[in-house]
Amino acid sequence: MRNYLKTLLFFSAFSPVLFTLAYVQYDLHGFRAAVIYLLVTGALGTAIPIWILMLIIKSSELISFNAKKVESNDFMLFVFVAGYFMPIINHGVNLDFTKSAFMALIFFSLFWFINNIPAHPVLRLIKYRFYKVESSTGMVYTLISKKEITDPKNIRYVKKISNWMLIEVSNAK
């Protein structure tokens, strides 16, 4: 169920790398069509997580949720942000569309089978936090929330993103 939303959400975390690649291409070859393509694709990919969460909040079923345990899940944030600067560090990147598209397809396929996603830097910038939360029935989920959660009792309502991902909703709407 909704595995494509979770996959797109995870895949979009890599979109800011396209801005860095655009800079590298500009630095190597000047302002060309490839720079524009990278900037436009990066902007669209960066907006995808916001659109996905708006879609989920607007159209998904509200579920009452009882959490037993909650802990922060921001552990991978640094890895993503550091990865954004890898093209600058490896300034000699030779961008080949066919190879890039093939690698993107492989990563997209892998993300399809991963149950949970780590923290998403773009969503973190707009104040979303990622948590690992255990329900009263013992199931463990990734929870995305706008608020800082320190007590599992503060989680009352959620909406489902995928089988293993939820977004916390402040009040019943």
Protein backbone atom coordinates (compact mmCIF):
# COMPACT_ATOMS: atom_id res chain seq x y z
CA MET A 1 0.00 0.00 0.00
CA ARG A 2 1.37 3.40 -1.02
CA ASN A 3 4.86 2.04 -1.40
CA TYR A 4 5.39 4.48 -4.27
CA LEU A 5 4.88 7.45 -1.90
CA LYS A 6 7.48 6.15 0.53
CA THR A 7 9.88 5.45 -2.33
CA LEU A 8 9.41 8.91 -3.85
CA LEU A 9 9.85 10.47 -0.43
CA PHE A 10 13.13 8.65 0.13
CA PHE A 11 14.38 9.21 -3.41
CA SER A 12 13.62 12.94 -3.21
CA ALA A 13 16.09 13.27 -0.32
CA PHE A 14 18.84 13.10 -2.94
CA SER A 15 17.43 15.97 -5.05
CA PRO A 16 19.60 18.71 -3.50
CA VAL A 17 22.63 16.89 -4.93
CA LEU A 18 21.43 18.11 -8.33
CA PHE A 19 22.04 21.71 -7.25
CA THR A 20 25.60 20.80 -6.36
CA LEU A 21 26.02 18.99 -9.68
CA ALA A 22 24.67 22.09 -11.46
CA TYR A 23 27.34 24.15 -9.75
CA VAL A 24 30.06 21.69 -10.76
CA GLN A 25 28.82 21.64 -14.37
CA TYR A 26 28.73 25.44 -14.42
CA ASP A 27 32.24 25.61 -13.01
CA LEU A 28 33.56 23.10 -15.55
CA HIS A 29 31.71 24.14 -18.71
CA GLY A 30 29.93 27.44 -18.06
CA PHE A 31 26.22 28.08 -18.28
CA ARG A 32 24.72 25.40 -20.53
CA ALA A 33 21.48 23.48 -20.92
CA ALA A 34 22.75 20.76 -18.55
CA VAL A 35 22.97 23.34 -15.75
CA ILE A 36 19.36 24.41 -16.35
CA TYR A 37 18.15 20.78 -16.46
CA LEU A 38 19.93 20.00 -13.20
CA LEU A 39 18.52 23.11 -11.48
CA VAL A 40 14.95 22.47 -12.65
CA THR A 41 15.09 18.75 -11.79
CA GLY A 42 16.62 19.56 -8.39
CA ALA A 43 13.88 22.10 -7.65
CA LEU A 44 11.12 19.67 -8.65
CA GLY A 45 12.68 16.85 -6.64
CA THR A 46 13.09 19.11 -3.62
CA ALA A 47 9.38 20.06 -3.79
CA ILE A 48 8.17 16.44 -4.07
CA PRO A 49 8.31 15.65 -0.31
CA ILE A 50 6.24 18.73 0.50
CA TRP A 51 3.62 17.75 -2.10
CA ILE A 52 3.54 14.16 -0.82
CA LEU A 53 2.96 15.21 2.78
CA MET A 54 0.26 17.72 1.73
CA LEU A 55 -1.45 14.94 -0.26
CA ILE A 56 -1.30 12.50 2.66
CA ILE A 57 -2.57 15.06 5.18
CA LYS A 58 -5.40 16.13 2.88
CA SER A 59 -6.65 12.80 1.59
CA SER A 60 -5.54 9.98 3.87
CA GLU A 61 -7.70 8.36 6.55
CA LEU A 62 -7.21 9.60 10.11
CA ILE A 63 -6.19 6.79 12.48
CA SER A 64 -6.23 6.86 16.27
CA PHE A 65 -2.80 5.77 17.47
CA ASN A 66 -1.46 4.61 20.84
CA ALA A 67 2.31 4.77 21.09
CA LYS A 68 4.26 2.82 23.66
CA LYS A 69 7.75 4.10 22.89
CA VAL A 70 9.24 6.93 20.80
CA GLU A 71 12.80 7.90 19.90
CA SER A 72 14.43 10.31 17.48
CA ASN A 73 15.33 8.92 14.07
CA ASP A 74 17.49 11.78 12.77
CA PHE A 75 20.64 9.64 12.72
CA MET A 76 21.17 9.71 8.94
CA LEU A 77 20.69 13.47 8.50
CA PHE A 78 24.42 14.15 8.53
CA VAL A 79 25.12 11.47 5.92
CA PHE A 80 22.60 12.98 3.50
CA VAL A 81 23.87 16.54 3.96
CA ALA A 82 27.49 15.42 3.60
CA GLY A 83 26.48 13.56 0.44
CA TYR A 84 25.14 16.79 -1.04
CA PHE A 85 28.67 18.15 -1.19
CA MET A 86 30.34 15.09 -2.68
CA PRO A 87 30.22 16.44 -6.27
CA ILE A 88 32.14 19.53 -5.18
CA ILE A 89 34.66 17.39 -3.32
CA ASN A 90 35.00 15.19 -6.39
CA HIS A 91 35.11 18.18 -8.74
CA GLY A 92 36.09 15.98 -11.64
CA VAL A 93 32.61 14.47 -11.93
CA ASN A 94 31.82 13.57 -15.51
CA LEU A 95 28.05 13.73 -15.83
CA ASP A 96 26.72 11.14 -18.20
CA PHE A 97 22.93 11.06 -18.44
CA THR A 98 22.69 7.36 -19.31
CA LYS A 99 24.85 6.28 -16.38
CA SER A 100 23.10 8.70 -14.01
CA ALA A 101 19.65 7.50 -15.10
CA PHE A 102 20.72 3.86 -14.70
CA MET A 103 22.06 4.51 -11.18
CA ALA A 104 18.89 6.43 -10.28
CA LEU A 105 16.79 3.49 -11.46
CA ILE A 106 18.83 1.07 -9.33
CA PHE A 107 18.49 3.30 -6.24
CA PHE A 108 14.78 3.81 -6.86
CA SER A 109 14.35 0.02 -7.05
CA LEU A 110 16.27 -0.49 -3.80
CA PHE A 111 14.26 2.19 -2.00
CA TRP A 112 11.07 0.42 -3.06
CA PHE A 113 11.97 -2.52 -0.81
CA ILE A 114 13.22 -0.55 2.21
CA ASN A 115 10.47 -0.35 4.86
CA ASN A 116 11.50 2.85 6.60
CA ILE A 117 13.35 5.93 5.48
CA PRO A 118 15.88 7.87 7.50
CA ALA A 119 15.53 11.57 8.21
CA HIS A 120 14.87 13.69 5.13
CA PRO A 121 17.01 16.88 5.10
CA VAL A 122 14.54 18.90 3.00
CA LEU A 123 11.69 18.06 5.36
CA ARG A 124 13.91 18.76 8.36
CA LEU A 125 14.54 22.25 6.99
CA ILE A 126 10.81 22.93 7.12
CA LYS A 127 10.62 21.70 10.72
CA TYR A 128 9.55 18.07 10.24
CA ARG A 129 11.14 15.57 12.61
CA PHE A 130 11.57 11.84 12.18
CA TYR A 131 10.92 9.33 14.95
CA LYS A 132 10.99 5.62 15.46
CA VAL A 133 7.77 4.84 17.28
CA GLU A 134 6.46 1.58 18.70
CA SER A 135 2.70 1.13 18.80
CA SER A 136 0.86 -0.41 21.73
CA THR A 137 0.64 -3.62 19.67
CA GLY A 138 4.43 -3.81 19.27
CA MET A 139 4.70 -2.67 15.63
CA VAL A 140 7.55 -0.25 14.92
CA TYR A 141 7.00 2.63 12.49
CA THR A 142 8.79 5.68 11.19
CA LEU A 143 6.77 8.69 12.29
CA ILE A 144 7.05 12.13 10.72
CA SER A 145 5.86 15.03 12.86
CA LYS A 146 5.98 18.83 12.89
CA LYS A 147 6.37 18.88 16.65
CA GLU A 148 9.06 17.66 18.99
CA ILE A 149 7.79 14.51 20.68
CA THR A 150 9.29 13.41 23.98
CA ASP A 151 6.33 11.52 25.42
CA PRO A 152 4.63 8.76 23.40
CA LYS A 153 1.28 9.74 24.96
CA ASN A 154 1.39 12.97 22.93
CA ILE A 155 0.89 10.98 19.72
CA ARG A 156 -2.87 10.62 19.27
CA TYR A 157 -3.68 10.71 15.56
CA VAL A 158 -1.72 9.65 12.51
CA LYS A 159 -2.18 9.15 8.81
CA LYS A 160 -0.57 6.31 6.92
CA ILE A 161 2.11 7.00 4.29
CA SER A 162 2.98 3.34 3.77
CA ASN A 163 2.73 0.13 5.80
CA TRP A 164 5.66 1.21 7.98
CA MET A 165 5.46 5.02 7.80
CA LEU A 166 3.05 7.42 9.49
CA ILE A 167 2.63 11.17 9.71
CA GLU A 168 1.44 12.62 13.00
CA VAL A 169 -1.60 14.88 12.85
CA SER A 170 -2.02 17.39 15.68
CA ASN A 171 -5.78 17.10 15.94
CA ALA A 172 -8.62 15.11 14.47
CA LYS A 173 -9.65 16.77 11.22
